[in-house]
Protein backbone atom coordinates (compact mmCIF):
# COMPACT_ATOMS: atom_id res chain seq x y z
CA MET A 1 24.26 18.79 -20.82
CA LYS A 2 21.34 16.29 -21.79
CA LYS A 3 23.52 13.44 -20.28
CA ILE A 4 23.05 15.60 -16.75
CA ILE A 5 19.32 16.65 -17.10
CA GLN A 6 19.02 12.49 -17.91
CA ILE A 7 20.82 11.37 -15.19
CA ILE A 8 18.77 14.01 -12.49
CA LEU A 9 15.35 12.72 -13.83
CA GLY A 10 16.74 9.28 -13.72
CA ILE A 11 17.61 9.72 -9.90
CA ILE A 12 14.12 11.44 -9.53
CA ALA A 13 12.09 8.33 -10.88
CA ILE A 14 14.31 6.15 -8.73
CA GLY A 15 13.26 8.27 -5.68
CA PHE A 16 9.62 8.22 -6.46
CA ILE A 17 9.43 4.19 -7.25
CA VAL A 18 11.35 3.78 -3.84
CA LEU A 19 8.53 5.82 -2.36
CA ILE A 20 5.71 3.96 -3.86
CA ALA A 21 7.22 0.69 -2.76
CA LYS A 22 7.94 1.64 0.78
CA ASN A 23 4.46 2.94 1.02
CA ALA A 24 2.89 -0.19 -0.73
CA LEU A 25 5.04 -2.53 1.51
CA PHE A 26 5.92 -1.19 4.45
CA THR A 27 2.33 0.64 5.72
CA SER A 28 0.26 -1.96 7.74
CA ALA A 29 -3.03 -2.98 7.19
CA ASP A 30 -4.19 -1.04 10.35
CA GLU A 31 -2.94 2.08 8.58
CA LYS A 32 -4.47 1.26 5.20
CA LEU A 33 -7.81 0.52 6.80
CA TYR A 34 -7.67 3.99 9.40
CA ASP A 35 -7.06 5.85 5.97
CA GLN A 36 -9.83 4.60 4.22
CA GLY A 37 -12.35 4.79 6.98
CA TRP A 38 -11.17 8.38 7.36
CA SER A 39 -11.63 9.14 3.64
CA LEU A 40 -14.98 7.81 3.79
CA TYR A 41 -15.90 9.60 6.99
CA GLU A 42 -14.61 12.90 5.59
CA LYS A 43 -17.07 12.33 2.42
CA GLY A 44 -20.24 11.72 4.56
CA ASP A 45 -20.18 7.72 3.70
CA TYR A 46 -20.79 6.99 7.54
CA LYS A 47 -21.96 3.52 7.44
CA SER A 48 -18.72 2.64 4.93
CA ALA A 49 -16.46 4.43 7.36
CA ILE A 50 -17.66 2.11 10.14
CA PHE A 51 -17.28 -0.90 8.56
CA TYR A 52 -13.35 0.17 8.01
CA PHE A 53 -12.82 1.39 11.50
CA ASN A 54 -14.11 -1.71 13.11
CA LYS A 55 -11.94 -3.61 11.30
CA VAL A 56 -8.80 -1.32 12.76
CA ASP A 57 -6.93 -2.61 16.15
CA LYS A 58 -8.16 -0.08 18.56
CA THR A 59 -4.86 -1.02 21.00
CA LYS A 60 -2.61 0.56 18.20
CA TYR A 61 -5.18 3.54 17.03
CA PRO A 62 -7.44 3.97 20.10
CA ASP A 63 -8.61 7.34 18.59
CA VAL A 64 -10.62 5.17 15.91
CA LEU A 65 -13.23 4.88 19.08
CA VAL A 66 -14.08 8.45 18.48
CA ALA A 67 -14.29 8.20 14.81
CA LEU A 68 -16.37 5.05 15.55
CA GLY A 69 -18.68 6.82 17.83
CA ALA A 70 -19.46 10.14 15.56
CA SER A 71 -19.65 7.84 12.32
CA TYR A 72 -22.68 5.84 14.29
CA MET A 73 -24.06 9.32 15.58
CA ASN A 74 -24.33 10.17 12.22
CA THR A 75 -25.83 7.29 11.28
CA GLU A 76 -28.27 7.93 14.38
CA ASP A 77 -27.34 4.40 15.79
CA PHE A 78 -27.11 6.29 18.97
CA ASP A 79 -26.49 3.02 21.39
CA ASN A 80 -23.28 2.05 19.30
CA ALA A 81 -22.13 5.70 19.16
CA ILE A 82 -22.75 5.59 23.07
CA GLN A 83 -20.63 2.61 23.25
CA ASN A 84 -17.70 3.79 21.60
CA PHE A 85 -17.51 7.16 23.13
CA GLN A 86 -17.84 5.53 26.55
CA GLU A 87 -14.81 3.29 25.49
CA ALA A 88 -12.74 6.19 24.87
CA TYR A 89 -13.80 8.42 27.26
CA LYS A 90 -12.61 5.14 29.98
CA LYS A 91 -9.49 5.29 27.90
CA ASN A 92 -8.90 8.96 28.29
CA VAL A 93 -8.49 9.15 24.62
CA GLY A 94 -7.70 12.78 23.82
CA ARG A 95 -7.45 13.82 27.49
CA GLY A 96 -6.12 17.25 27.98
CA THR A 97 -7.58 18.54 24.94
CA GLU A 98 -10.26 19.69 22.98
CA ASP A 99 -11.45 16.45 21.97
CA TYR A 100 -12.08 15.07 25.13
CA ASN A 101 -14.58 18.00 25.43
CA LYS A 102 -15.84 16.71 22.11
CA ILE A 103 -16.30 13.31 23.43
CA ARG A 104 -18.02 14.32 26.78
CA ASN A 105 -20.34 16.30 24.39
CA SER A 106 -21.28 13.87 21.95
CA LEU A 107 -21.97 11.39 24.69
CA GLY A 108 -24.62 14.01 26.29
CA TYR A 109 -25.79 14.22 22.83
CA CYS A 110 -26.31 10.64 21.92
CA TYR A 111 -27.87 10.02 25.77
CA LEU A 112 -30.40 13.37 25.12
CA LYS A 113 -31.33 11.66 21.69
CA ILE A 114 -32.49 8.48 23.36
CA GLY A 115 -34.15 10.15 26.16
CA ASP A 116 -31.78 9.60 29.12
CA ASN A 117 -31.39 13.44 30.29
CA LYS A 118 -29.78 12.17 34.13
CA ASN A 119 -26.78 10.70 31.81
CA ALA A 120 -26.94 13.37 28.99
CA ARG A 121 -26.84 16.36 31.80
CA PHE A 122 -23.62 14.51 33.54
CA TYR A 123 -21.45 14.48 30.50
CA PHE A 124 -22.56 18.03 29.32
CA GLN A 125 -21.41 19.23 33.21
CA GLU A 126 -18.26 17.06 32.86
CA ALA A 127 -17.44 19.18 30.00
CA VAL A 128 -18.70 22.47 31.42
CA LYS A 129 -16.08 21.85 33.89
CA SER A 130 -13.47 21.85 31.51
CA GLY A 131 -14.63 25.27 30.01
CA SER A 132 -16.90 23.88 26.99
CA SER A 133 -19.56 26.93 26.43
CA ASN A 134 -21.42 24.60 24.18
CA SER A 135 -22.26 22.15 27.09
CA LYS A 136 -23.72 25.18 29.19
CA LYS A 137 -25.95 25.65 26.25
CA ASN A 138 -26.78 22.05 26.06
CA ILE A 139 -27.51 21.99 29.75
CA GLN A 140 -30.24 24.74 29.28
CA ILE A 141 -31.55 22.88 26.43
CA ILE A 142 -32.08 19.67 29.01
CA ASP A 143 -33.50 22.09 31.73
CA SER A 144 -36.22 23.16 28.91
CA ILE A 145 -36.95 20.06 27.91
CA GLU A 146 -37.76 18.84 31.73
CA ASN A 147 -39.77 21.90 32.34
CA VAL A 148 -41.88 21.07 29.40
CA GLN A 149 -42.05 17.86 30.56
CA LYS A 150 -43.12 18.81 33.77
CA VAL A 151 -45.90 20.83 32.65
CA LYS A 152 -47.44 18.27 30.82
């Protein structure tokens, strides 16, 4: 009985060693950078996440453009956020999903933050066409801002 338990534990140990070796040897550098970027993003370390996300091959991981955009947006670097969200939007990253509306809402928000109400309205309206209720509220905010600007 003791011998059988030792054999079973040996097989389990070998299985773990193989799993660890597989992950170490067959995980691509891009995947490691991508995972490290997401780990840092989730911790709120957006500047470090940007460093890792910028090293990922965007043709293999096109959704990293959204992560880069969000990271830049969270550091209030709206120009770089717009650049990455625009590229994701043009490449249809997440099209047909709620993520695509998030890209459009994020573009609208970034444009709003830099004072470009025309582009902000465009992206919010695009999201409304897909049923985004948040975008309707954002358009109302733009309307309010523009009304206040007219009064001045």
